[in-house]
Amino acid sequence: FDSISCLLFGWIMKYVGRSPIIFIGASANTM
């Protein structure tokens, strides 16, 4: 999951920006 997500987030970041992805990571860890 870590490897696949690294590839996806690198691609998604170009379209949604950095902050939404940081929010996903923070939410996942907090939950």
Full PDB file with SEQRES, HELIX, SHEET, SSBOND, CRYST1, ORIGX, SCALE, CONECT and MASTER records, all heavy atoms in Angstrom:
SEQRES   1 A   31  PHE ASP SER ILE SER CYS LEU LEU PHE GLY TRP ILE MET          
SEQRES   2 A   31  LYS TYR VAL GLY ARG SER PRO ILE ILE PHE ILE GLY ALA          
SEQRES   3 A   31  SER ALA ASN THR MET                                          
HELIX    1 AA1 ASP A    2  VAL A   16  1                                  15    
HELIX    2 AA2 ARG A   18  THR A   30  1                                  13    
CRYST1    1.000    1.000    1.000  90.00  90.00  90.00 P 1           1          
ORIGX1      1.000000  0.000000  0.000000        0.00000                         
ORIGX2      0.000000  1.000000  0.000000        0.00000                         
ORIGX3      0.000000  0.000000  1.000000        0.00000                         
SCALE1      1.000000  0.000000  0.000000        0.00000                         
SCALE2      0.000000  1.000000  0.000000        0.00000                         
SCALE3      0.000000  0.000000  1.000000        0.00000                         
ATOM      1  N   PHE A   1       0.828  -1.206   0.000  1.00  0.00           N  
ATOM      2  CA  PHE A   1       0.000   0.000   0.000  1.00  0.00           C  
ATOM      3  C   PHE A   1       0.863   1.257   0.000  1.00  0.00           C  
ATOM      4  O   PHE A   1       0.510   2.262  -0.640  1.00  0.00           O  
ATOM      5  CB  PHE A   1      -0.938  -0.005   1.218  1.00  0.00           C  
ATOM      6  CG  PHE A   1      -2.198  -0.769   1.007  1.00  0.00           C  
ATOM      7  CD1 PHE A   1      -2.242  -2.131   1.240  1.00  0.00           C  
ATOM      8  CD2 PHE A   1      -3.343  -0.140   0.558  1.00  0.00           C  
ATOM      9  CE1 PHE A   1      -3.408  -2.857   1.051  1.00  0.00           C  
ATOM     10  CE2 PHE A   1      -4.518  -0.844   0.352  1.00  0.00           C  
ATOM     11  CZ  PHE A   1      -4.549  -2.218   0.602  1.00  0.00           C  
ATOM     12  N   ASP A   2       1.969   1.226   0.711  1.00  0.00           N  
ATOM     13  CA  ASP A   2       2.887   2.370   0.754  1.00  0.00           C  
ATOM     14  C   ASP A   2       3.447   2.652  -0.636  1.00  0.00           C  
ATOM     15  O   ASP A   2       3.449   3.800  -1.112  1.00  0.00           O  
ATOM     16  CB  ASP A   2       4.028   2.076   1.732  1.00  0.00           C  
ATOM     17  CG  ASP A   2       4.721   3.333   2.221  1.00  0.00           C  
ATOM     18  OD1 ASP A   2       4.775   4.317   1.465  1.00  0.00           O  
ATOM     19  OD2 ASP A   2       5.210   3.336   3.360  1.00  0.00           O  
ATOM     20  N   SER A   3       3.901   1.616  -1.324  1.00  0.00           N  
ATOM     21  CA  SER A   3       4.512   1.789  -2.648  1.00  0.00           C  
ATOM     22  C   SER A   3       3.512   2.306  -3.666  1.00  0.00           C  
ATOM     23  O   SER A   3       3.788   3.252  -4.416  1.00  0.00           O  
ATOM     24  CB  SER A   3       5.111   0.462  -3.120  1.00  0.00           C  
ATOM     25  OG  SER A   3       6.070  -0.018  -2.216  1.00  0.00           O  
ATOM     26  N   ILE A   4       2.342   1.671  -3.706  1.00  0.00           N  
ATOM     27  CA  ILE A   4       1.319   2.082  -4.678  1.00  0.00           C  
ATOM     28  C   ILE A   4       0.862   3.510  -4.398  1.00  0.00           C  
ATOM     29  O   ILE A   4       0.681   4.319  -5.317  1.00  0.00           O  
ATOM     30  CB  ILE A   4       0.124   1.111  -4.642  1.00  0.00           C  
ATOM     31  CG1 ILE A   4       0.561  -0.275  -5.127  1.00  0.00           C  
ATOM     32  CG2 ILE A   4      -1.024   1.623  -5.503  1.00  0.00           C  
ATOM     33  CD1 ILE A   4      -0.511  -1.343  -4.999  1.00  0.00           C  
ATOM     34  N   SER A   5       0.684   3.838  -3.122  1.00  0.00           N  
ATOM     35  CA  SER A   5       0.226   5.181  -2.762  1.00  0.00           C  
ATOM     36  C   SER A   5       1.259   6.239  -3.114  1.00  0.00           C  
ATOM     37  O   SER A   5       0.896   7.362  -3.501  1.00  0.00           O  
ATOM     38  CB  SER A   5      -0.095   5.235  -1.261  1.00  0.00           C  
ATOM     39  OG  SER A   5      -1.121   4.333  -0.935  1.00  0.00           O  
ATOM     40  N   CYS A   6       2.548   5.920  -2.969  1.00  0.00           N  
ATOM     41  CA  CYS A   6       3.592   6.875  -3.358  1.00  0.00           C  
ATOM     42  C   CYS A   6       3.460   7.245  -4.832  1.00  0.00           C  
ATOM     43  O   CYS A   6       3.565   8.423  -5.209  1.00  0.00           O  
ATOM     44  CB  CYS A   6       4.974   6.283  -3.088  1.00  0.00           C  
ATOM     45  SG  CYS A   6       5.487   6.349  -1.354  1.00  0.00           S  
ATOM     46  N   LEU A   7       3.222   6.248  -5.670  1.00  0.00           N  
ATOM     47  CA  LEU A   7       3.051   6.515  -7.102  1.00  0.00           C  
ATOM     48  C   LEU A   7       1.800   7.346  -7.359  1.00  0.00           C  
ATOM     49  O   LEU A   7       1.825   8.312  -8.121  1.00  0.00           O  
ATOM     50  CB  LEU A   7       2.966   5.191  -7.870  1.00  0.00           C  
ATOM     51  CG  LEU A   7       4.251   4.359  -7.949  1.00  0.00           C  
ATOM     52  CD1 LEU A   7       3.956   2.995  -8.562  1.00  0.00           C  
ATOM     53  CD2 LEU A   7       5.316   5.084  -8.765  1.00  0.00           C  
ATOM     54  N   LEU A   8       0.707   6.988  -6.701  1.00  0.00           N  
ATOM     55  CA  LEU A   8      -0.560   7.688  -6.938  1.00  0.00           C  
ATOM     56  C   LEU A   8      -0.513   9.126  -6.439  1.00  0.00           C  
ATOM     57  O   LEU A   8      -0.954  10.045  -7.140  1.00  0.00           O  
ATOM     58  CB  LEU A   8      -1.694   6.937  -6.243  1.00  0.00           C  
ATOM     59  CG  LEU A   8      -2.104   5.599  -6.866  1.00  0.00           C  
ATOM     60  CD1 LEU A   8      -3.182   4.931  -6.024  1.00  0.00           C  
ATOM     61  CD2 LEU A   8      -2.588   5.789  -8.295  1.00  0.00           C  
ATOM     62  N   PHE A   9       0.022   9.344  -5.242  1.00  0.00           N  
ATOM     63  CA  PHE A   9       0.042  10.698  -4.681  1.00  0.00           C  
ATOM     64  C   PHE A   9       0.944  11.626  -5.490  1.00  0.00           C  
ATOM     65  O   PHE A   9       0.668  12.817  -5.614  1.00  0.00           O  
ATOM     66  CB  PHE A   9       0.471  10.666  -3.221  1.00  0.00           C  
ATOM     67  CG  PHE A   9      -0.556  10.070  -2.303  1.00  0.00           C  
ATOM     68  CD1 PHE A   9      -0.183   9.260  -1.241  1.00  0.00           C  
ATOM     69  CD2 PHE A   9      -1.898  10.313  -2.508  1.00  0.00           C  
ATOM     70  CE1 PHE A   9      -1.130   8.713  -0.392  1.00  0.00           C  
ATOM     71  CE2 PHE A   9      -2.859   9.770  -1.671  1.00  0.00           C  
ATOM     72  CZ  PHE A   9      -2.471   8.960  -0.611  1.00  0.00           C  
ATOM     73  N   GLY A  10       2.028  11.081  -6.026  1.00  0.00           N  
ATOM     74  CA  GLY A  10       2.882  11.911  -6.872  1.00  0.00           C  
ATOM     75  C   GLY A  10       2.166  12.397  -8.110  1.00  0.00           C  
ATOM     76  O   GLY A  10       2.408  13.520  -8.588  1.00  0.00           O  
ATOM     77  N   TRP A  11       1.274  11.566  -8.628  1.00  0.00           N  
ATOM     78  CA  TRP A  11       0.502  11.932  -9.823  1.00  0.00           C  
ATOM     79  C   TRP A  11      -0.689  12.818  -9.464  1.00  0.00           C  
ATOM     80  O   TRP A  11      -0.960  13.812 -10.123  1.00  0.00           O  
ATOM     81  CB  TRP A  11       0.035  10.649 -10.510  1.00  0.00           C  
ATOM     82  CG  TRP A  11      -0.873  10.890 -11.681  1.00  0.00           C  
ATOM     83  CD1 TRP A  11      -0.532  11.380 -12.907  1.00  0.00           C  
ATOM     84  CD2 TRP A  11      -2.294  10.670 -11.717  1.00  0.00           C  
ATOM     85  NE1 TRP A  11      -1.638  11.472 -13.715  1.00  0.00           N  
ATOM     86  CE2 TRP A  11      -2.738  11.040 -13.005  1.00  0.00           C  
ATOM     87  CE3 TRP A  11      -3.213  10.177 -10.799  1.00  0.00           C  
ATOM     88  CZ2 TRP A  11      -4.067  10.935 -13.386  1.00  0.00           C  
ATOM     89  CZ3 TRP A  11      -4.543  10.077 -11.188  1.00  0.00           C  
ATOM     90  CH2 TRP A  11      -4.953  10.456 -12.461  1.00  0.00           C  
ATOM     91  N   ILE A  12      -1.387  12.466  -8.381  1.00  0.00           N  
ATOM     92  CA  ILE A  12      -2.579  13.217  -7.982  1.00  0.00           C  
ATOM     93  C   ILE A  12      -2.223  14.635  -7.556  1.00  0.00           C  
ATOM     94  O   ILE A  12      -2.998  15.576  -7.774  1.00  0.00           O  
ATOM     95  CB  ILE A  12      -3.309  12.478  -6.842  1.00  0.00           C  
ATOM     96  CG1 ILE A  12      -3.865  11.145  -7.351  1.00  0.00           C  
ATOM     97  CG2 ILE A  12      -4.427  13.328  -6.264  1.00  0.00           C  
ATOM     98  CD1 ILE A  12      -4.466  10.283  -6.263  1.00  0.00           C  
ATOM     99  N   MET A  13      -1.043  14.804  -6.960  1.00  0.00           N  
ATOM    100  CA  MET A  13      -0.644  16.109  -6.437  1.00  0.00           C  
ATOM    101  C   MET A  13      -0.657  17.183  -7.520  1.00  0.00           C  
ATOM    102  O   MET A  13      -0.927  18.358  -7.252  1.00  0.00           O  
ATOM    103  CB  MET A  13       0.743  15.993  -5.793  1.00  0.00           C  
ATOM    104  CG  MET A  13       1.191  17.223  -5.020  1.00  0.00           C  
ATOM    105  SD  MET A  13       2.248  18.267  -6.040  1.00  0.00           S  
ATOM    106  CE  MET A  13       2.710  19.505  -4.864  1.00  0.00           C  
ATOM    107  N   LYS A  14      -0.387  16.802  -8.763  1.00  0.00           N  
ATOM    108  CA  LYS A  14      -0.377  17.765  -9.863  1.00  0.00           C  
ATOM    109  C   LYS A  14      -1.765  18.343 -10.122  1.00  0.00           C  
ATOM    110  O   LYS A  14      -1.895  19.417 -10.703  1.00  0.00           O  
ATOM    111  CB  LYS A  14       0.152  17.095 -11.130  1.00  0.00           C  
ATOM    112  CG  LYS A  14       1.602  16.654 -11.047  1.00  0.00           C  
ATOM    113  CD  LYS A  14       2.116  16.128 -12.373  1.00  0.00           C  
ATOM    114  CE  LYS A  14       1.431  14.842 -12.745  1.00  0.00           C  
ATOM    115  NZ  LYS A  14       2.013  14.243 -13.983  1.00  0.00           N  
ATOM    116  N   TYR A  15      -2.812  17.635  -9.686  1.00  0.00           N  
ATOM    117  CA  TYR A  15      -4.182  18.059  -9.992  1.00  0.00           C  
ATOM    118  C   TYR A  15      -4.915  18.648  -8.787  1.00  0.00           C  
ATOM    119  O   TYR A  15      -5.766  19.528  -8.959  1.00  0.00           O  
ATOM    120  CB  TYR A  15      -4.979  16.867 -10.531  1.00  0.00           C  
ATOM    121  CG  TYR A  15      -4.386  16.275 -11.795  1.00  0.00           C  
ATOM    122  CD1 TYR A  15      -3.565  15.159 -11.731  1.00  0.00           C  
ATOM    123  CD2 TYR A  15      -4.629  16.856 -13.039  1.00  0.00           C  
ATOM    124  CE1 TYR A  15      -3.002  14.621 -12.878  1.00  0.00           C  
ATOM    125  CE2 TYR A  15      -4.072  16.322 -14.192  1.00  0.00           C  
ATOM    126  CZ  TYR A  15      -3.255  15.204 -14.110  1.00  0.00           C  
ATOM    127  OH  TYR A  15      -2.695  14.679 -15.250  1.00  0.00           O  
ATOM    128  N   VAL A  16      -4.611  18.182  -7.588  1.00  0.00           N  
ATOM    129  CA  VAL A  16      -5.344  18.666  -6.415  1.00  0.00           C  
ATOM    130  C   VAL A  16      -4.484  19.494  -5.473  1.00  0.00           C  
ATOM    131  O   VAL A  16      -5.007  20.133  -4.559  1.00  0.00           O  
ATOM    132  CB  VAL A  16      -5.965  17.480  -5.638  1.00  0.00           C  
ATOM    133  CG1 VAL A  16      -6.893  16.687  -6.532  1.00  0.00           C  
ATOM    134  CG2 VAL A  16      -4.882  16.575  -5.049  1.00  0.00           C  
ATOM    135  N   GLY A  17      -3.169  19.478  -5.670  1.00  0.00           N  
ATOM    136  CA  GLY A  17      -2.286  20.234  -4.798  1.00  0.00           C  
ATOM    137  C   GLY A  17      -1.795  19.403  -3.621  1.00  0.00           C  
ATOM    138  O   GLY A  17      -2.189  18.255  -3.428  1.00  0.00           O  
ATOM    139  N   ARG A  18      -0.959  20.005  -2.822  1.00  0.00           N  
ATOM    140  CA  ARG A  18      -0.296  19.305  -1.727  1.00  0.00           C  
ATOM    141  C   ARG A  18      -1.166  19.209  -0.472  1.00  0.00           C  
ATOM    142  O   ARG A  18      -1.216  18.164   0.178  1.00  0.00           O  
ATOM    143  CB  ARG A  18       1.017  20.016  -1.396  1.00  0.00           C  
ATOM    144  CG  ARG A  18       1.815  19.439  -0.278  1.00  0.00           C  
ATOM    145  CD  ARG A  18       3.170  20.126  -0.147  1.00  0.00           C  
ATOM    146  NE  ARG A  18       3.047  21.572  -0.188  1.00  0.00           N  
ATOM    147  CZ  ARG A  18       3.367  22.327  -1.257  1.00  0.00           C  
ATOM    148  NH1 ARG A  18       3.839  21.776  -2.346  1.00  0.00           N  
ATOM    149  NH2 ARG A  18       3.221  23.642  -1.222  1.00  0.00           N  
ATOM    150  N   SER A  19      -1.869  20.255  -0.125  1.00  0.00           N  
ATOM    151  CA  SER A  19      -2.600  20.305   1.144  1.00  0.00           C  
ATOM    152  C   SER A  19      -3.674  19.234   1.274  1.00  0.00           C  
ATOM    153  O   SER A  19      -3.798  18.612   2.346  1.00  0.00           O  
ATOM    154  CB  SER A  19      -3.208  21.699   1.338  1.00  0.00           C  
ATOM    155  OG  SER A  19      -2.187  22.670   1.464  1.00  0.00           O  
ATOM    156  N   PRO A  20      -4.495  18.970   0.239  1.00  0.00           N  
ATOM    157  CA  PRO A  20      -5.485  17.892   0.377  1.00  0.00           C  
ATOM    158  C   PRO A  20      -4.857  16.530   0.639  1.00  0.00           C  
ATOM    159  O   PRO A  20      -5.417  15.723   1.387  1.00  0.00           O  
ATOM    160  CB  PRO A  20      -6.221  17.915  -0.971  1.00  0.00           C  
ATOM    161  CG  PRO A  20      -6.038  19.295  -1.489  1.00  0.00           C  
ATOM    162  CD  PRO A  20      -4.667  19.699  -1.041  1.00  0.00           C  
ATOM    163  N   ILE A  21      -3.705  16.280   0.049  1.00  0.00           N  
ATOM    164  CA  ILE A  21      -3.040  14.999   0.274  1.00  0.00           C  
ATOM    165  C   ILE A  21      -2.498  14.920   1.693  1.00  0.00           C  
ATOM    166  O   ILE A  21      -2.576  13.875   2.354  1.00  0.00           O  
ATOM    167  CB  ILE A  21      -1.920  14.794  -0.762  1.00  0.00           C  
ATOM    168  CG1 ILE A  21      -2.517  14.766  -2.172  1.00  0.00           C  
ATOM    169  CG2 ILE A  21      -1.151  13.503  -0.491  1.00  0.00           C  
ATOM    170  CD1 ILE A  21      -1.502  14.642  -3.277  1.00  0.00           C  
ATOM    171  N   ILE A  22      -1.943  16.030   2.190  1.00  0.00           N  
ATOM    172  CA  ILE A  22      -1.495  16.080   3.584  1.00  0.00           C  
ATOM    173  C   ILE A  22      -2.676  15.817   4.518  1.00  0.00           C  
ATOM    174  O   ILE A  22      -2.552  15.098   5.523  1.00  0.00           O  
ATOM    175  CB  ILE A  22      -0.866  17.443   3.909  1.00  0.00           C  
ATOM    176  CG1 ILE A  22       0.435  17.646   3.116  1.00  0.00           C  
ATOM    177  CG2 ILE A  22      -0.609  17.588   5.401  1.00  0.00           C  
ATOM    178  CD1 ILE A  22       1.592  16.798   3.567  1.00  0.00           C  
ATOM    179  N   PHE A  23      -3.831  16.368   4.178  1.00  0.00           N  
ATOM    180  CA  PHE A  23      -5.028  16.152   4.987  1.00  0.00           C  
ATOM    181  C   PHE A  23      -5.409  14.677   5.008  1.00  0.00           C  
ATOM    182  O   PHE A  23      -5.819  14.144   6.050  1.00  0.00           O  
ATOM    183  CB  PHE A  23      -6.187  16.990   4.437  1.00  0.00           C  
ATOM    184  CG  PHE A  23      -7.493  16.777   5.148  1.00  0.00           C  
ATOM    185  CD1 PHE A  23      -7.722  17.360   6.377  1.00  0.00           C  
ATOM    186  CD2 PHE A  23      -8.488  15.981   4.582  1.00  0.00           C  
ATOM    187  CE1 PHE A  23      -8.924  17.156   7.041  1.00  0.00           C  
ATOM    188  CE2 PHE A  23      -9.684  15.771   5.235  1.00  0.00           C  
ATOM    189  CZ  PHE A  23      -9.905  16.367   6.468  1.00  0.00           C  
ATOM    190  N   ILE A  24      -5.271  13.994   3.872  1.00  0.00           N  
ATOM    191  CA  ILE A  24      -5.574  12.555   3.809  1.00  0.00           C  
ATOM    192  C   ILE A  24      -4.643  11.783   4.740  1.00  0.00           C  
ATOM    193  O   ILE A  24      -5.080  10.926   5.519  1.00  0.00           O  
ATOM    194  CB  ILE A  24      -5.445  12.041   2.360  1.00  0.00           C  
ATOM    195  CG1 ILE A  24      -6.550  12.639   1.493  1.00  0.00           C  
ATOM    196  CG2 ILE A  24      -5.492  10.516   2.315  1.00  0.00           C  
ATOM    197  CD1 ILE A  24      -6.393  12.319   0.010  1.00  0.00           C  
ATOM    198  N   GLY A  25      -3.345  12.073   4.669  1.00  0.00           N  
ATOM    199  CA  GLY A  25      -2.384  11.375   5.516  1.00  0.00           C  
ATOM    200  C   GLY A  25      -2.618  11.637   6.992  1.00  0.00           C  
ATOM    201  O   GLY A  25      -2.582  10.711   7.815  1.00  0.00           O  
ATOM    202  N   ALA A  26      -2.867  12.905   7.338  1.00  0.00           N  
ATOM    203  CA  ALA A  26      -3.097  13.252   8.736  1.00  0.00           C  
ATOM    204  C   ALA A  26      -4.373  12.603   9.261  1.00  0.00           C  
ATOM    205  O   ALA A  26      -4.419  12.106  10.394  1.00  0.00           O  
ATOM    206  CB  ALA A  26      -3.167  14.768   8.890  1.00  0.00           C  
ATOM    207  N   SER A  27      -5.411  12.587   8.429  1.00  0.00           N  
ATOM    208  CA  SER A  27      -6.679  11.971   8.841  1.00  0.00           C  
ATOM    209  C   SER A  27      -6.517  10.475   9.033  1.00  0.00           C  
ATOM    210  O   SER A  27      -7.035   9.903  10.007  1.00  0.00           O  
ATOM    211  CB  SER A  27      -7.762  12.251   7.787  1.00  0.00           C  
ATOM    212  OG  SER A  27      -7.978  13.637   7.641  1.00  0.00           O  
ATOM    213  N   ALA A  28      -5.797   9.830   8.104  1.00  0.00           N  
ATOM    214  CA  ALA A  28      -5.584   8.389   8.211  1.00  0.00           C  
ATOM    215  C   ALA A  28      -4.826   8.041   9.482  1.00  0.00           C  
ATOM    216  O   ALA A  28      -5.222   7.133  10.232  1.00  0.00           O  
ATOM    217  CB  ALA A  28      -4.818   7.881   6.984  1.00  0.00           C  
ATOM    218  N   ASN A  29      -3.757   8.765   9.763  1.00  0.00           N  
ATOM    219  CA  ASN A  29      -2.973   8.480  10.967  1.00  0.00           C  
ATOM    220  C   ASN A  29      -3.765   8.771  12.239  1.00  0.00           C  
ATOM    221  O   ASN A  29      -3.705   8.005  13.208  1.00  0.00           O  
ATOM    222  CB  ASN A  29      -1.688   9.284  10.967  1.00  0.00           C  
ATOM    223  CG  ASN A  29      -0.612   8.699  10.075  1.00  0.00           C  
ATOM    224  OD1 ASN A  29       0.455   9.260   9.906  1.00  0.00           O  
ATOM    225  ND2 ASN A  29      -0.871   7.540   9.472  1.00  0.00           N  
ATOM    226  N   THR A  30      -4.514   9.873  12.247  1.00  0.00           N  
ATOM    227  CA  THR A  30      -5.285  10.232  13.436  1.00  0.00           C  
ATOM    228  C   THR A  30      -6.359   9.199  13.732  1.00  0.00           C  
ATOM    229  O   THR A  30      -6.548   8.781  14.883  1.00  0.00           O  
ATOM    230  CB  THR A  30      -5.928  11.623  13.252  1.00  0.00           C  
ATOM    231  OG1 THR A  30      -4.910  12.593  12.986  1.00  0.00           O  
ATOM    232  CG2 THR A  30      -6.689  12.031  14.501  1.00  0.00           C  
ATOM    233  N   MET A  31      -7.080   8.770  12.700  1.00  0.00           N  
ATOM    234  CA  MET A  31      -8.137   7.773  12.901  1.00  0.00           C  
ATOM    235  C   MET A  31      -7.557   6.439  13.368  1.00  0.00           C  
ATOM    236  O   MET A  31      -8.130   5.776  14.236  1.00  0.00           O  
ATOM    237  CB  MET A  31      -8.943   7.597  11.611  1.00  0.00           C  
ATOM    238  CG  MET A  31      -9.842   8.768  11.281  1.00  0.00           C  
ATOM    239  SD  MET A  31     -10.947   8.462   9.875  1.00  0.00           S  
ATOM    240  CE  MET A  31      -9.763   8.304   8.526  1.00  0.00           C  
TER     241      MET A  31                                                      
MASTER        0    0    0    2    0    0    0    6  240    1    0    3          
END                                                                             
